């Protein structure tokens, strides 16, 4: 069997398969998609008061509903590998993760600043 024959059969097989959303390089096609309803800038604040000396990173300024905030918080916690919660229109991330949170939010197409 020659290599040309094998490559031809592979090319024919790829043409019959449905599009899987991958680019030619084999990487998933990812484009940052901001929530269409989120407007304005988010504030990232470092806080230590009232937490028995433990620090937390707070993200405030959301204009989207609580369900969307909870979904964003869940994805952020999973990506950063840390704990946290979302309630009252804010996201709380355990620890001093201001720069990591800023990178995550900008990769999602959201405007944010560290205060």
C-alpha atoms as a PDB file:
ATOM      1  CA  UNK A   1       0.000   0.000   0.000  1.00  0.00           C
ATOM      2  CA  UNK A   2       1.339   3.414  -0.878  1.00  0.00           C
ATOM      3  CA  UNK A   3       1.098   6.507   1.312  1.00  0.00           C
ATOM      4  CA  UNK A   4      -0.747   8.444  -1.402  1.00  0.00           C
ATOM      5  CA  UNK A   5      -3.601   5.941  -1.348  1.00  0.00           C
ATOM      6  CA  UNK A   6      -3.927   6.234   2.434  1.00  0.00           C
ATOM      7  CA  UNK A   7      -3.948  10.049   2.299  1.00  0.00           C
ATOM      8  CA  UNK A   8      -6.588  10.045  -0.439  1.00  0.00           C
ATOM      9  CA  UNK A   9      -8.859   7.799   1.611  1.00  0.00           C
ATOM     10  CA  UNK A  10      -8.368  10.019   4.689  1.00  0.00           C
ATOM     11  CA  UNK A  11      -9.251  13.142   2.713  1.00  0.00           C
ATOM     12  CA  UNK A  12     -12.386  11.465   1.344  1.00  0.00           C
ATOM     13  CA  UNK A  13     -13.406  10.408   4.853  1.00  0.00           C
ATOM     14  CA  UNK A  14     -12.983  13.942   6.214  1.00  0.00           C
ATOM     15  CA  UNK A  15     -15.258  15.316   3.491  1.00  0.00           C
ATOM     16  CA  UNK A  16     -18.074  12.964   4.527  1.00  0.00           C
ATOM     17  CA  UNK A  17     -17.844  13.891   8.236  1.00  0.00           C
ATOM     18  CA  UNK A  18     -19.921  16.782   9.653  1.00  0.00           C
ATOM     19  CA  UNK A  19     -18.076  19.962  10.565  1.00  0.00           C
ATOM     20  CA  UNK A  20     -16.852  19.701  14.164  1.00  0.00           C
ATOM     21  CA  UNK A  21     -16.161  23.421  14.650  1.00  0.00           C
ATOM     22  CA  UNK A  22     -12.391  23.037  14.494  1.00  0.00           C
ATOM     23  CA  UNK A  23     -10.032  25.163  12.484  1.00  0.00           C
ATOM     24  CA  UNK A  24      -7.587  23.803   9.938  1.00  0.00           C
ATOM     25  CA  UNK A  25      -4.853  23.631  12.589  1.00  0.00           C
ATOM     26  CA  UNK A  26      -6.993  21.291  14.680  1.00  0.00           C
ATOM     27  CA  UNK A  27      -7.582  23.862  17.408  1.00  0.00           C
ATOM     28  CA  UNK A  28     -11.135  24.544  18.608  1.00  0.00           C
ATOM     29  CA  UNK A  29     -12.582  27.719  17.176  1.00  0.00           C
ATOM     30  CA  UNK A  30     -12.753  30.009  20.223  1.00  0.00           C
ATOM     31  CA  UNK A  31     -13.767  33.616  20.008  1.00  0.00           C
ATOM     32  CA  UNK A  32     -14.283  35.645  23.156  1.00  0.00           C
ATOM     33  CA  UNK A  33     -17.966  36.336  23.506  1.00  0.00           C
ATOM     34  CA  UNK A  34     -19.069  38.947  25.985  1.00  0.00           C
ATOM     35  CA  UNK A  35     -22.522  38.795  27.412  1.00  0.00           C
ATOM     36  CA  UNK A  36     -24.599  41.040  25.169  1.00  0.00           C
ATOM     37  CA  UNK A  37     -26.448  42.464  28.169  1.00  0.00           C
ATOM     38  CA  UNK A  38     -23.388  43.357  30.269  1.00  0.00           C
ATOM     39  CA  UNK A  39     -22.594  47.012  29.840  1.00  0.00           C
ATOM     40  CA  UNK A  40     -20.145  49.183  31.671  1.00  0.00           C
ATOM     41  CA  UNK A  41     -16.965  48.348  33.490  1.00  0.00           C
ATOM     42  CA  UNK A  42     -16.509  45.811  36.266  1.00  0.00           C
ATOM     43  CA  UNK A  43     -14.520  46.703  39.386  1.00  0.00           C
ATOM     44  CA  UNK A  44     -12.111  44.185  40.910  1.00  0.00           C
ATOM     45  CA  UNK A  45     -11.486  44.933  44.594  1.00  0.00           C
ATOM     46  CA  UNK A  46      -9.189  43.271  47.146  1.00  0.00           C
ATOM     47  CA  UNK A  47     -10.771  42.918  50.586  1.00  0.00           C
ATOM     48  CA  UNK A  48      -9.586  41.559  53.915  1.00  0.00           C
ATOM     49  CA  UNK A  49     -11.897  43.168  56.477  1.00  0.00           C
ATOM     50  CA  UNK A  50     -14.438  41.012  58.286  1.00  0.00           C
ATOM     51  CA  UNK A  51     -12.999  37.734  57.042  1.00  0.00           C
ATOM     52  CA  UNK A  52     -10.892  36.666  60.041  1.00  0.00           C
ATOM     53  CA  UNK A  53      -7.728  37.845  58.286  1.00  0.00           C
ATOM     54  CA  UNK A  54      -8.436  35.943  55.075  1.00  0.00           C
ATOM     55  CA  UNK A  55      -8.336  37.868  51.837  1.00  0.00           C
ATOM     56  CA  UNK A  56     -10.854  37.845  49.018  1.00  0.00           C
ATOM     57  CA  UNK A  57     -11.166  39.304  45.546  1.00  0.00           C
ATOM     58  CA  UNK A  58     -14.572  40.889  44.837  1.00  0.00           C
ATOM     59  CA  UNK A  59     -15.917  41.592  41.339  1.00  0.00           C
ATOM     60  CA  UNK A  60     -18.738  44.162  41.319  1.00  0.00           C
ATOM     61  CA  UNK A  61     -20.623  46.288  38.788  1.00  0.00           C
ATOM     62  CA  UNK A  62     -22.611  43.647  36.915  1.00  0.00           C
ATOM     63  CA  UNK A  63     -25.669  44.665  34.905  1.00  0.00           C
ATOM     64  CA  UNK A  64     -26.698  41.089  34.054  1.00  0.00           C
ATOM     65  CA  UNK A  65     -29.062  38.879  36.057  1.00  0.00           C
ATOM     66  CA  UNK A  66     -27.987  36.649  38.946  1.00  0.00           C
ATOM     67  CA  UNK A  67     -28.182  33.408  36.925  1.00  0.00           C
ATOM     68  CA  UNK A  68     -25.681  34.701  34.371  1.00  0.00           C
ATOM     69  CA  UNK A  69     -23.431  35.981  37.164  1.00  0.00           C
ATOM     70  CA  UNK A  70     -23.540  32.541  38.819  1.00  0.00           C
ATOM     71  CA  UNK A  71     -22.605  30.847  35.530  1.00  0.00           C
ATOM     72  CA  UNK A  72     -19.705  33.269  35.016  1.00  0.00           C
ATOM     73  CA  UNK A  73     -18.559  32.727  38.621  1.00  0.00           C
ATOM     74  CA  UNK A  74     -18.657  28.967  38.168  1.00  0.00           C
ATOM     75  CA  UNK A  75     -16.549  29.135  35.019  1.00  0.00           C
ATOM     76  CA  UNK A  76     -14.128  31.576  36.645  1.00  0.00           C
ATOM     77  CA  UNK A  77     -13.658  29.379  39.728  1.00  0.00           C
ATOM     78  CA  UNK A  78     -13.085  26.315  37.564  1.00  0.00           C
ATOM     79  CA  UNK A  79     -10.583  28.140  35.341  1.00  0.00           C
ATOM     80  CA  UNK A  80      -8.653  29.689  38.233  1.00  0.00           C
ATOM     81  CA  UNK A  81      -8.835  26.567  40.391  1.00  0.00           C
ATOM     82  CA  UNK A  82     -10.096  28.396  43.451  1.00  0.00           C
ATOM     83  CA  UNK A  83     -13.168  28.678  45.633  1.00  0.00           C
ATOM     84  CA  UNK A  84     -15.677  31.463  45.774  1.00  0.00           C
ATOM     85  CA  UNK A  85     -19.321  32.382  45.500  1.00  0.00           C
ATOM     86  CA  UNK A  86     -21.749  34.713  43.778  1.00  0.00           C
ATOM     87  CA  UNK A  87     -24.542  36.554  45.523  1.00  0.00           C
ATOM     88  CA  UNK A  88     -26.019  39.979  45.621  1.00  0.00           C
ATOM     89  CA  UNK A  89     -24.802  40.865  42.131  1.00  0.00           C
ATOM     90  CA  UNK A  90     -21.150  40.268  43.041  1.00  0.00           C
ATOM     91  CA  UNK A  91     -18.617  37.473  42.637  1.00  0.00           C
ATOM     92  CA  UNK A  92     -16.287  36.609  45.513  1.00  0.00           C
ATOM     93  CA  UNK A  93     -13.083  34.702  44.732  1.00  0.00           C
ATOM     94  CA  UNK A  94     -10.980  33.367  47.591  1.00  0.00           C
ATOM     95  CA  UNK A  95      -7.482  34.793  47.846  1.00  0.00           C
ATOM     96  CA  UNK A  96      -5.668  37.659  46.182  1.00  0.00           C
ATOM     97  CA  UNK A  97      -6.364  36.806  42.524  1.00  0.00           C
ATOM     98  CA  UNK A  98      -6.867  40.319  41.141  1.00  0.00           C
ATOM     99  CA  UNK A  99      -4.610  39.960  38.092  1.00  0.00           C
ATOM    100  CA  UNK A 100      -5.880  36.462  37.286  1.00  0.00           C
ATOM    101  CA  UNK A 101      -9.486  37.667  37.459  1.00  0.00           C
ATOM    102  CA  UNK A 102      -8.652  40.660  35.261  1.00  0.00           C
ATOM    103  CA  UNK A 103      -7.090  38.366  32.614  1.00  0.00           C
ATOM    104  CA  UNK A 104     -10.102  36.028  32.742  1.00  0.00           C
ATOM    105  CA  UNK A 105     -12.653  38.825  32.341  1.00  0.00           C
ATOM    106  CA  UNK A 106     -10.787  40.502  29.486  1.00  0.00           C
ATOM    107  CA  UNK A 107     -10.480  37.145  27.709  1.00  0.00           C
ATOM    108  CA  UNK A 108     -14.284  36.957  27.888  1.00  0.00           C
ATOM    109  CA  UNK A 109     -14.523  40.380  26.249  1.00  0.00           C
ATOM    110  CA  UNK A 110     -15.625  42.231  29.384  1.00  0.00           C
ATOM    111  CA  UNK A 111     -14.194  45.569  30.490  1.00  0.00           C
ATOM    112  CA  UNK A 112     -12.709  45.504  33.981  1.00  0.00           C
ATOM    113  CA  UNK A 113     -10.315  47.425  36.184  1.00  0.00           C
ATOM    114  CA  UNK A 114      -8.437  46.673  39.388  1.00  0.00           C
ATOM    115  CA  UNK A 115      -9.117  49.125  42.184  1.00  0.00           C
END
